[in-house]
Amino acid sequence: MNKIYILSFFALVCSLTSCNLARVVFHNDPNLTDHQLFHTAKVESSEDPFQFAEKRYEPLPPMELWLKDKHTDRYSSLEEFLIDNKTTAFLVIKNDTIIYENYFNGLYRDKPTIVFSVTKAVMTTLCSIAIQEGFIPNVDQLVSDYIPEYKDDPLRSQ
């Protein structure tokens, strides 16, 4: 019985102090309104942003040509698959050209949203480019070499 009181007390303290752990416990299912619950930072666009070339919209080839899976057999198109799986945005870039771009489930091109794990993919791409262009020596370079605030971070060695 004491465990229930302790957990309840912890949950109350966390919720009153805006503890991120409490937010995760009570709102663990990610969704597009998470920006109202968690801290976010808006990324301002460049004054002269890179523009991808855009190809005239064409549906992607049938899914069975590039995705063979028993779970996808029930879908007649990529769009149907994406909508059913609650995808909000899907973008395919080849070289410097957007060959497919579509938005679903209430999202549209100019609507700000939280990008969840997309951030990791973008950061990996940017780090790879920085290494290739010589701005970062290699993948073993420490983030704290560029952001001094991380030098004393207790999580650094984990």
N, C-alpha and C. Protein backbone atom coordinates (compact mmCIF):
# COMPACT_ATOMS: atom_id res chain seq x y z
N MET A 1 0.81 -1.19 0.00
CA MET A 1 0.00 0.00 0.00
C MET A 1 0.86 1.26 0.00
N ASN A 2 2.00 1.22 0.70
CA ASN A 2 2.89 2.37 0.74
C ASN A 2 3.41 2.73 -0.64
N LYS A 3 3.61 1.73 -1.50
CA LYS A 3 4.10 1.99 -2.86
C LYS A 3 3.11 2.85 -3.64
N ILE A 4 1.84 2.59 -3.46
CA ILE A 4 0.81 3.38 -4.15
C ILE A 4 0.88 4.83 -3.70
N TYR A 5 1.03 5.05 -2.40
CA TYR A 5 1.13 6.42 -1.89
C TYR A 5 2.37 7.12 -2.41
N ILE A 6 3.47 6.40 -2.44
CA ILE A 6 4.72 6.99 -2.93
C ILE A 6 4.60 7.35 -4.40
N LEU A 7 4.06 6.43 -5.20
CA LEU A 7 3.89 6.71 -6.63
C LEU A 7 2.91 7.86 -6.85
N SER A 8 1.85 7.89 -6.08
CA SER A 8 0.87 8.98 -6.22
C SER A 8 1.51 10.32 -5.85
N PHE A 9 2.28 10.32 -4.76
CA PHE A 9 2.97 11.54 -4.35
C PHE A 9 3.94 11.99 -5.44
N PHE A 10 4.72 11.04 -6.00
CA PHE A 10 5.67 11.37 -7.06
C PHE A 10 4.94 11.96 -8.27
N ALA A 11 3.84 11.34 -8.65
CA ALA A 11 3.07 11.84 -9.80
C ALA A 11 2.54 13.24 -9.54
N LEU A 12 2.06 13.49 -8.32
CA LEU A 12 1.55 14.81 -7.97
C LEU A 12 2.66 15.86 -8.01
N VAL A 13 3.80 15.55 -7.40
CA VAL A 13 4.92 16.49 -7.40
C VAL A 13 5.38 16.78 -8.81
N CYS A 14 5.53 15.73 -9.61
CA CYS A 14 5.98 15.94 -10.99
C CYS A 14 4.98 16.77 -11.78
N SER A 15 3.71 16.50 -11.62
CA SER A 15 2.72 17.26 -12.39
C SER A 15 2.69 18.72 -11.96
N LEU A 16 2.90 18.98 -10.67
CA LEU A 16 2.90 20.36 -10.18
C LEU A 16 4.17 21.12 -10.57
N THR A 17 5.23 20.39 -10.84
CA THR A 17 6.50 21.05 -11.17
C THR A 17 6.81 21.00 -12.66
N SER A 18 5.86 20.60 -13.45
CA SER A 18 6.04 20.50 -14.91
C SER A 18 7.14 19.51 -15.26
N CYS A 19 7.28 18.48 -14.50
CA CYS A 19 8.28 17.44 -14.73
C CYS A 19 8.02 16.74 -16.05
N ASN A 20 9.03 16.65 -16.92
CA ASN A 20 8.86 15.98 -18.20
C ASN A 20 8.50 14.51 -18.04
N LEU A 21 9.04 13.85 -17.01
CA LEU A 21 8.72 12.45 -16.79
C LEU A 21 7.23 12.27 -16.56
N ALA A 22 6.64 13.17 -15.79
CA ALA A 22 5.20 13.08 -15.55
C ALA A 22 4.44 13.27 -16.85
N ARG A 23 4.91 14.17 -17.67
CA ARG A 23 4.24 14.39 -18.96
C ARG A 23 4.30 13.13 -19.81
N VAL A 24 5.45 12.46 -19.78
CA VAL A 24 5.59 11.23 -20.55
C VAL A 24 4.68 10.15 -20.00
N VAL A 25 4.62 10.02 -18.67
CA VAL A 25 3.78 9.00 -18.05
C VAL A 25 2.31 9.23 -18.38
N PHE A 26 1.87 10.47 -18.26
CA PHE A 26 0.45 10.76 -18.47
C PHE A 26 0.08 10.96 -19.94
N HIS A 27 1.05 11.25 -20.79
CA HIS A 27 0.76 11.53 -22.20
C HIS A 27 1.74 10.74 -23.08
N ASN A 28 1.86 9.44 -22.85
CA ASN A 28 2.92 8.69 -23.54
C ASN A 28 2.62 8.36 -25.00
N ASP A 29 1.47 8.67 -25.49
CA ASP A 29 1.15 8.40 -26.88
C ASP A 29 1.40 9.66 -27.70
N PRO A 30 2.49 9.70 -28.47
CA PRO A 30 2.82 10.94 -29.20
C PRO A 30 1.72 11.33 -30.19
N ASN A 31 1.49 12.63 -30.30
CA ASN A 31 0.55 13.11 -31.30
C ASN A 31 0.91 14.54 -31.69
N LEU A 32 0.18 15.08 -32.64
CA LEU A 32 0.51 16.38 -33.20
C LEU A 32 0.24 17.56 -32.26
N THR A 33 -0.38 17.31 -31.12
CA THR A 33 -0.61 18.40 -30.18
C THR A 33 0.43 18.42 -29.06
N ASP A 34 1.46 17.58 -29.15
CA ASP A 34 2.49 17.53 -28.11
C ASP A 34 3.19 18.86 -27.90
N HIS A 35 3.19 19.73 -28.89
CA HIS A 35 3.82 21.03 -28.72
C HIS A 35 3.13 21.85 -27.63
N GLN A 36 1.90 21.47 -27.28
CA GLN A 36 1.20 22.16 -26.20
C GLN A 36 1.60 21.61 -24.83
N LEU A 37 2.20 20.42 -24.79
CA LEU A 37 2.57 19.78 -23.53
C LEU A 37 4.05 19.89 -23.21
N PHE A 38 4.89 19.82 -24.24
CA PHE A 38 6.33 19.77 -24.05
C PHE A 38 6.99 21.03 -24.57
N HIS A 39 8.17 21.29 -24.05
CA HIS A 39 8.95 22.44 -24.51
C HIS A 39 9.30 22.26 -25.99
N THR A 40 9.14 23.29 -26.75
CA THR A 40 9.52 23.26 -28.16
C THR A 40 10.34 24.50 -28.47
N ALA A 41 11.08 24.43 -29.54
CA ALA A 41 11.84 25.59 -30.02
C ALA A 41 11.58 25.73 -31.51
N LYS A 42 11.15 26.89 -31.89
CA LYS A 42 10.89 27.15 -33.31
C LYS A 42 12.22 27.37 -34.02
N VAL A 43 12.39 26.72 -35.15
CA VAL A 43 13.59 26.89 -35.96
C VAL A 43 13.26 27.91 -37.04
N GLU A 44 13.93 29.03 -36.99
CA GLU A 44 13.68 30.09 -37.97
C GLU A 44 14.29 29.70 -39.31
N SER A 45 13.64 30.07 -40.36
CA SER A 45 14.16 29.75 -41.69
C SER A 45 15.23 30.75 -42.10
N SER A 46 16.05 30.31 -43.01
CA SER A 46 17.12 31.16 -43.54
C SER A 46 16.52 32.26 -44.40
N GLU A 47 17.24 33.35 -44.53
CA GLU A 47 16.79 34.42 -45.43
C GLU A 47 16.93 33.98 -46.89
N ASP A 48 17.83 33.05 -47.13
CA ASP A 48 18.05 32.54 -48.48
C ASP A 48 18.08 31.01 -48.45
N PRO A 49 16.92 30.37 -48.22
CA PRO A 49 16.92 28.92 -48.05
C PRO A 49 17.16 28.18 -49.37
N PHE A 50 17.73 27.00 -49.23
CA PHE A 50 17.90 26.13 -50.39
C PHE A 50 16.52 25.70 -50.88
N GLN A 51 16.35 25.67 -52.17
CA GLN A 51 15.08 25.24 -52.74
C GLN A 51 15.31 23.96 -53.54
N PHE A 52 14.59 22.92 -53.18
CA PHE A 52 14.64 21.70 -53.97
C PHE A 52 13.88 21.93 -55.26
N ALA A 53 14.36 21.32 -56.34
CA ALA A 53 13.58 21.31 -57.56
C ALA A 53 12.35 20.45 -57.30
N GLU A 54 11.24 20.78 -57.93
CA GLU A 54 10.03 19.99 -57.73
C GLU A 54 9.58 19.40 -59.04
N LYS A 55 9.27 18.13 -58.99
CA LYS A 55 8.77 17.42 -60.15
C LYS A 55 7.24 17.46 -60.09
N ARG A 56 6.61 17.45 -61.22
CA ARG A 56 5.16 17.42 -61.27
C ARG A 56 4.67 16.21 -60.48
N TYR A 57 3.60 16.39 -59.70
CA TYR A 57 3.11 15.30 -58.85
C TYR A 57 2.79 14.06 -59.67
N GLU A 58 3.33 12.97 -59.23
CA GLU A 58 3.00 11.66 -59.78
C GLU A 58 2.94 10.69 -58.62
N PRO A 59 1.94 9.81 -58.59
CA PRO A 59 1.93 8.83 -57.51
C PRO A 59 3.17 7.95 -57.60
N LEU A 60 3.62 7.47 -56.47
CA LEU A 60 4.75 6.55 -56.47
C LEU A 60 4.34 5.24 -57.11
N PRO A 61 5.30 4.46 -57.56
CA PRO A 61 4.96 3.16 -58.15
C PRO A 61 4.19 2.31 -57.15
N PRO A 62 3.47 1.31 -57.63
CA PRO A 62 2.71 0.45 -56.73
C PRO A 62 3.60 -0.09 -55.61
N MET A 63 3.03 -0.18 -54.43
CA MET A 63 3.80 -0.59 -53.26
C MET A 63 4.47 -1.95 -53.43
N GLU A 64 3.84 -2.86 -54.12
CA GLU A 64 4.45 -4.20 -54.23
C GLU A 64 5.77 -4.19 -55.00
N LEU A 65 6.06 -3.11 -55.72
CA LEU A 65 7.33 -3.02 -56.43
C LEU A 65 8.49 -2.62 -55.51
N TRP A 66 8.20 -1.97 -54.40
CA TRP A 66 9.28 -1.51 -53.53
C TRP A 66 9.10 -1.87 -52.07
N LEU A 67 7.95 -2.44 -51.71
CA LEU A 67 7.71 -2.85 -50.34
C LEU A 67 6.92 -4.14 -50.35
N LYS A 68 7.59 -5.24 -50.11
CA LYS A 68 6.92 -6.53 -50.11
C LYS A 68 6.77 -6.99 -48.66
N ASP A 69 5.52 -6.99 -48.21
CA ASP A 69 5.26 -7.38 -46.83
C ASP A 69 3.82 -7.87 -46.76
N LYS A 70 3.61 -8.92 -46.02
CA LYS A 70 2.25 -9.48 -45.91
C LYS A 70 1.26 -8.49 -45.31
N HIS A 71 1.75 -7.52 -44.54
CA HIS A 71 0.87 -6.54 -43.92
C HIS A 71 0.46 -5.42 -44.88
N THR A 72 1.15 -5.27 -45.98
CA THR A 72 0.81 -4.19 -46.91
C THR A 72 -0.04 -4.68 -48.07
N ASP A 73 -0.26 -5.96 -48.17
CA ASP A 73 -1.04 -6.51 -49.29
C ASP A 73 -2.46 -5.97 -49.34
N ARG A 74 -2.98 -5.54 -48.20
CA ARG A 74 -4.38 -5.08 -48.18
C ARG A 74 -4.55 -3.65 -48.67
N TYR A 75 -3.47 -2.96 -48.99
CA TYR A 75 -3.55 -1.58 -49.45
C TYR A 75 -3.41 -1.50 -50.96
N SER A 76 -4.24 -0.67 -51.56
CA SER A 76 -4.18 -0.52 -53.02
C SER A 76 -3.22 0.58 -53.45
N SER A 77 -2.83 1.46 -52.50
CA SER A 77 -1.92 2.54 -52.86
C SER A 77 -1.10 2.95 -51.64
N LEU A 78 -0.02 3.66 -51.92
CA LEU A 78 0.79 4.19 -50.84
C LEU A 78 -0.03 5.15 -49.99
N GLU A 79 -0.82 5.99 -50.61
CA GLU A 79 -1.62 6.97 -49.88
C GLU A 79 -2.55 6.27 -48.89
N GLU A 80 -3.19 5.20 -49.32
CA GLU A 80 -4.09 4.45 -48.44
C GLU A 80 -3.31 3.89 -47.24
N PHE A 81 -2.13 3.35 -47.50
CA PHE A 81 -1.27 2.82 -46.45
C PHE A 81 -0.88 3.92 -45.46
N LEU A 82 -0.46 5.07 -45.97
CA LEU A 82 -0.02 6.17 -45.12
C LEU A 82 -1.15 6.72 -44.26
N ILE A 83 -2.32 6.88 -44.84
CA ILE A 83 -3.47 7.38 -44.09
C ILE A 83 -3.85 6.40 -42.99
N ASP A 84 -3.91 5.12 -43.34
CA ASP A 84 -4.31 4.10 -42.37
C ASP A 84 -3.32 3.99 -41.22
N ASN A 85 -2.05 4.29 -41.48
CA ASN A 85 -1.02 4.20 -40.45
C ASN A 85 -0.76 5.54 -39.77
N LYS A 86 -1.70 6.47 -39.94
CA LYS A 86 -1.67 7.78 -39.27
C LYS A 86 -0.44 8.62 -39.60
N THR A 87 0.07 8.46 -40.80
CA THR A 87 1.17 9.29 -41.27
C THR A 87 0.63 10.69 -41.50
N THR A 88 1.43 11.69 -41.19
CA THR A 88 0.99 13.07 -41.41
C THR A 88 1.69 13.72 -42.60
N ALA A 89 2.91 13.30 -42.88
CA ALA A 89 3.64 13.87 -44.01
C ALA A 89 4.58 12.80 -44.56
N PHE A 90 4.71 12.78 -45.88
CA PHE A 90 5.61 11.83 -46.52
C PHE A 90 6.28 12.54 -47.68
N LEU A 91 7.61 12.53 -47.65
CA LEU A 91 8.40 13.27 -48.63
C LEU A 91 9.48 12.35 -49.17
N VAL A 92 9.61 12.31 -50.49
CA VAL A 92 10.68 11.53 -51.12
C VAL A 92 11.53 12.49 -51.94
N ILE A 93 12.83 12.51 -51.63
CA ILE A 93 13.76 13.37 -52.35
C ILE A 93 14.77 12.47 -53.04
N LYS A 94 15.00 12.72 -54.31
CA LYS A 94 16.02 12.00 -55.05
C LYS A 94 16.97 13.04 -55.63
N ASN A 95 18.25 12.91 -55.23
CA ASN A 95 19.25 13.91 -55.59
C ASN A 95 18.81 15.26 -55.08
N ASP A 96 18.47 16.21 -55.93
CA ASP A 96 18.04 17.53 -55.46
C ASP A 96 16.60 17.84 -55.85
N THR A 97 15.82 16.78 -56.09
CA THR A 97 14.47 16.97 -56.57
C THR A 97 13.45 16.27 -55.68
N ILE A 98 12.40 16.99 -55.32
CA ILE A 98 11.30 16.38 -54.59
C ILE A 98 10.47 15.60 -55.61
N ILE A 99 10.46 14.29 -55.47
CA ILE A 99 9.70 13.49 -56.44
C ILE A 99 8.34 13.08 -55.90
N TYR A 100 8.14 13.23 -54.59
CA TYR A 100 6.83 12.94 -54.01
C TYR A 100 6.70 13.73 -52.71
N GLU A 101 5.58 14.39 -52.54
CA GLU A 101 5.29 15.13 -51.31
C GLU A 101 3.79 15.10 -51.10
N ASN A 102 3.39 14.62 -49.92
CA ASN A 102 1.96 14.58 -49.64
C ASN A 102 1.73 14.68 -48.13
N TYR A 103 0.60 15.22 -47.75
CA TYR A 103 0.26 15.44 -46.34
C TYR A 103 -1.09 14.79 -46.07
N PHE A 104 -1.23 14.28 -44.84
CA PHE A 104 -2.42 13.52 -44.50
C PHE A 104 -2.88 13.87 -43.09
N ASN A 105 -4.07 13.39 -42.74
CA ASN A 105 -4.58 13.45 -41.38
C ASN A 105 -4.49 14.84 -40.75
N GLY A 106 -4.88 15.86 -41.52
CA GLY A 106 -4.97 17.20 -40.97
C GLY A 106 -3.72 18.05 -41.08
N LEU A 107 -2.65 17.51 -41.59
CA LEU A 107 -1.43 18.30 -41.75
C LEU A 107 -1.36 18.81 -43.19
N TYR A 108 -0.77 19.96 -43.36
CA TYR A 108 -0.52 20.47 -44.70
C TYR A 108 0.84 21.15 -44.71
N ARG A 109 1.32 21.48 -45.87
CA ARG A 109 2.71 21.91 -46.08
C ARG A 109 3.17 23.03 -45.15
N ASP A 110 2.38 24.05 -44.97
CA ASP A 110 2.82 25.21 -44.20
C ASP A 110 2.35 25.20 -42.75
N LYS A 111 1.83 24.08 -42.28
CA LYS A 111 1.37 23.98 -40.89
C LYS A 111 2.52 23.50 -40.01
N PRO A 112 2.94 24.30 -39.03
CA PRO A 112 4.02 23.85 -38.14
C PRO A 112 3.62 22.60 -37.37
N THR A 113 4.58 21.75 -37.13
CA THR A 113 4.31 20.53 -36.38
C THR A 113 5.58 20.04 -35.71
N ILE A 114 5.42 19.19 -34.72
CA ILE A 114 6.55 18.52 -34.09
C ILE A 114 6.97 17.40 -35.03
N VAL A 115 8.27 17.21 -35.19
CA VAL A 115 8.73 16.22 -36.17
C VAL A 115 9.27 14.93 -35.56
N PHE A 116 9.21 14.81 -34.24
CA PHE A 116 9.60 13.58 -33.55
C PHE A 116 10.92 13.03 -34.08
N SER A 117 10.94 11.77 -34.50
CA SER A 117 12.18 11.10 -34.89
C SER A 117 12.78 11.60 -36.20
N VAL A 118 12.04 12.40 -36.95
CA VAL A 118 12.60 12.95 -38.18
C VAL A 118 13.86 13.76 -37.86
N THR A 119 13.88 14.36 -36.68
CA THR A 119 15.02 15.16 -36.26
C THR A 119 16.31 14.35 -36.31
N LYS A 120 16.25 13.10 -35.85
CA LYS A 120 17.45 12.25 -35.85
C LYS A 120 17.94 11.99 -37.28
N ALA A 121 17.02 11.76 -38.19
CA ALA A 121 17.41 11.51 -39.57
C ALA A 121 18.04 12.75 -40.20
N VAL A 122 17.45 13.90 -39.94
CA VAL A 122 18.00 15.15 -40.49
C VAL A 122 19.37 15.44 -39.89
N MET A 123 19.50 15.29 -38.57
CA MET A 123 20.79 15.54 -37.92
C MET A 123 21.87 14.58 -38.42
N THR A 124 21.53 13.33 -38.62
CA THR A 124 22.48 12.36 -39.15
C THR A 124 22.94 12.77 -40.53
N THR A 125 22.00 13.20 -41.36
CA THR A 125 22.34 13.65 -42.71
C THR A 125 23.25 14.87 -42.66
N LEU A 126 22.89 15.85 -41.82
CA LEU A 126 23.70 17.07 -41.72
C LEU A 126 25.10 16.77 -41.18
N CYS A 127 25.19 15.88 -40.19
CA CYS A 127 26.51 15.51 -39.66
C CYS A 127 27.35 14.81 -40.72
N SER A 128 26.73 13.94 -41.50
CA SER A 128 27.46 13.26 -42.58
C SER A 128 27.98 14.26 -43.61
N ILE A 129 27.16 15.23 -43.94
CA ILE A 129 27.59 16.27 -44.89
C ILE A 129 28.74 17.08 -44.29
N ALA A 130 28.62 17.44 -43.00
CA ALA A 130 29.67 18.22 -42.33
C ALA A 130 30.99 17.44 -42.29
N ILE A 131 30.92 16.14 -42.08
CA ILE A 131 32.14 15.31 -42.11
C ILE A 131 32.71 15.27 -43.51
N GLN A 132 31.85 15.04 -44.49
CA GLN A 132 32.30 14.97 -45.89
C GLN A 132 32.94 16.28 -46.34
N GLU A 133 32.42 17.40 -45.86
CA GLU A 133 32.95 18.70 -46.26
C GLU A 133 34.06 19.20 -45.34
N GLY A 134 34.44 18.40 -44.35
CA GLY A 134 35.57 18.73 -43.50
C GLY A 134 35.29 19.62 -42.31
N PHE A 135 34.03 19.92 -42.02
CA PHE A 135 33.70 20.76 -40.87
C PHE A 135 33.80 20.00 -39.55
N ILE A 136 33.56 18.69 -39.62
CA ILE A 136 33.69 17.80 -38.47
C ILE A 136 34.68 16.72 -38.88
N PRO A 137 35.71 16.44 -38.06
CA PRO A 137 36.74 15.48 -38.46
C PRO A 137 36.23 14.05 -38.70
N ASN A 138 35.37 13.55 -37.78
CA ASN A 138 34.87 12.18 -37.92
C ASN A 138 33.71 11.96 -36.96
N VAL A 139 33.14 10.76 -36.98
CA VAL A 139 31.96 10.48 -36.15
C VAL A 139 32.29 10.40 -34.66
N ASP A 140 33.56 10.32 -34.31
CA ASP A 140 33.94 10.25 -32.91
C ASP A 140 34.13 11.62 -32.26
N GLN A 141 33.96 12.67 -33.03
CA GLN A 141 34.11 14.03 -32.50
C GLN A 141 33.03 14.29 -31.46
N LEU A 142 33.39 14.87 -30.34
CA LEU A 142 32.44 15.14 -29.26
C LEU A 142 31.61 16.39 -29.55
N VAL A 143 30.35 16.34 -29.23
CA VAL A 143 29.47 17.50 -29.36
C VAL A 143 29.98 18.64 -28.49
N SER A 144 30.54 18.28 -27.34
CA SER A 144 31.04 19.32 -26.41
C SER A 144 32.19 20.13 -27.00
N ASP A 145 32.83 19.64 -28.05
CA ASP A 145 33.87 20.44 -28.72
C ASP A 145 33.24 21.63 -29.46
N TYR A 146 31.97 21.52 -29.76
CA TYR A 146 31.26 22.59 -30.48
C TYR A 146 30.28 23.34 -29.60
N ILE A 147 29.79 22.65 -28.57
CA ILE A 147 28.85 23.27 -27.63
C ILE A 147 29.44 23.09 -26.24
N PRO A 148 30.20 24.07 -25.77
CA PRO A 148 30.93 23.94 -24.51
C PRO A 148 30.06 23.61 -23.30
N GLU A 149 28.78 23.98 -23.34
CA GLU A 149 27.90 23.70 -22.21
C GLU A 149 27.78 22.21 -21.93
N TYR A 150 28.08 21.37 -22.90
CA TYR A 150 27.97 19.92 -22.73
C TYR A 150 29.22 19.29 -22.12
N LYS A 151 30.30 20.04 -21.95
CA LYS A 151 31.53 19.47 -21.41
C LYS A 151 31.33 18.86 -20.02
N ASP A 152 30.55 19.51 -19.18
CA ASP A 152 30.35 19.03 -17.81
C ASP A 152 29.03 18.29 -17.63
N ASP A 153 28.38 17.92 -18.69
CA ASP A 153 27.10 17.22 -18.60
C ASP A 153 27.32 15.83 -18.01
N PRO A 154 26.63 15.49 -16.92
CA PRO A 154 26.80 14.17 -16.30
C PRO A 154 26.38 13.01 -17.20
N LEU A 155 25.56 13.26 -18.20
CA LEU A 155 25.12 12.19 -19.10
C LEU A 155 26.11 11.97 -20.25
N ARG A 156 27.12 12.80 -20.33
CA ARG A 156 28.06 12.75 -21.44
C ARG A 156 28.71 11.38 -21.62
N SER A 157 29.04 10.72 -20.52
CA SER A 157 29.75 9.44 -20.63
C SER A 157 28.81 8.26 -20.81
N GLN A 158 27.51 8.51 -20.81
CA GLN A 158 26.57 7.39 -20.94
C GLN A 158 26.24 7.10 -22.37
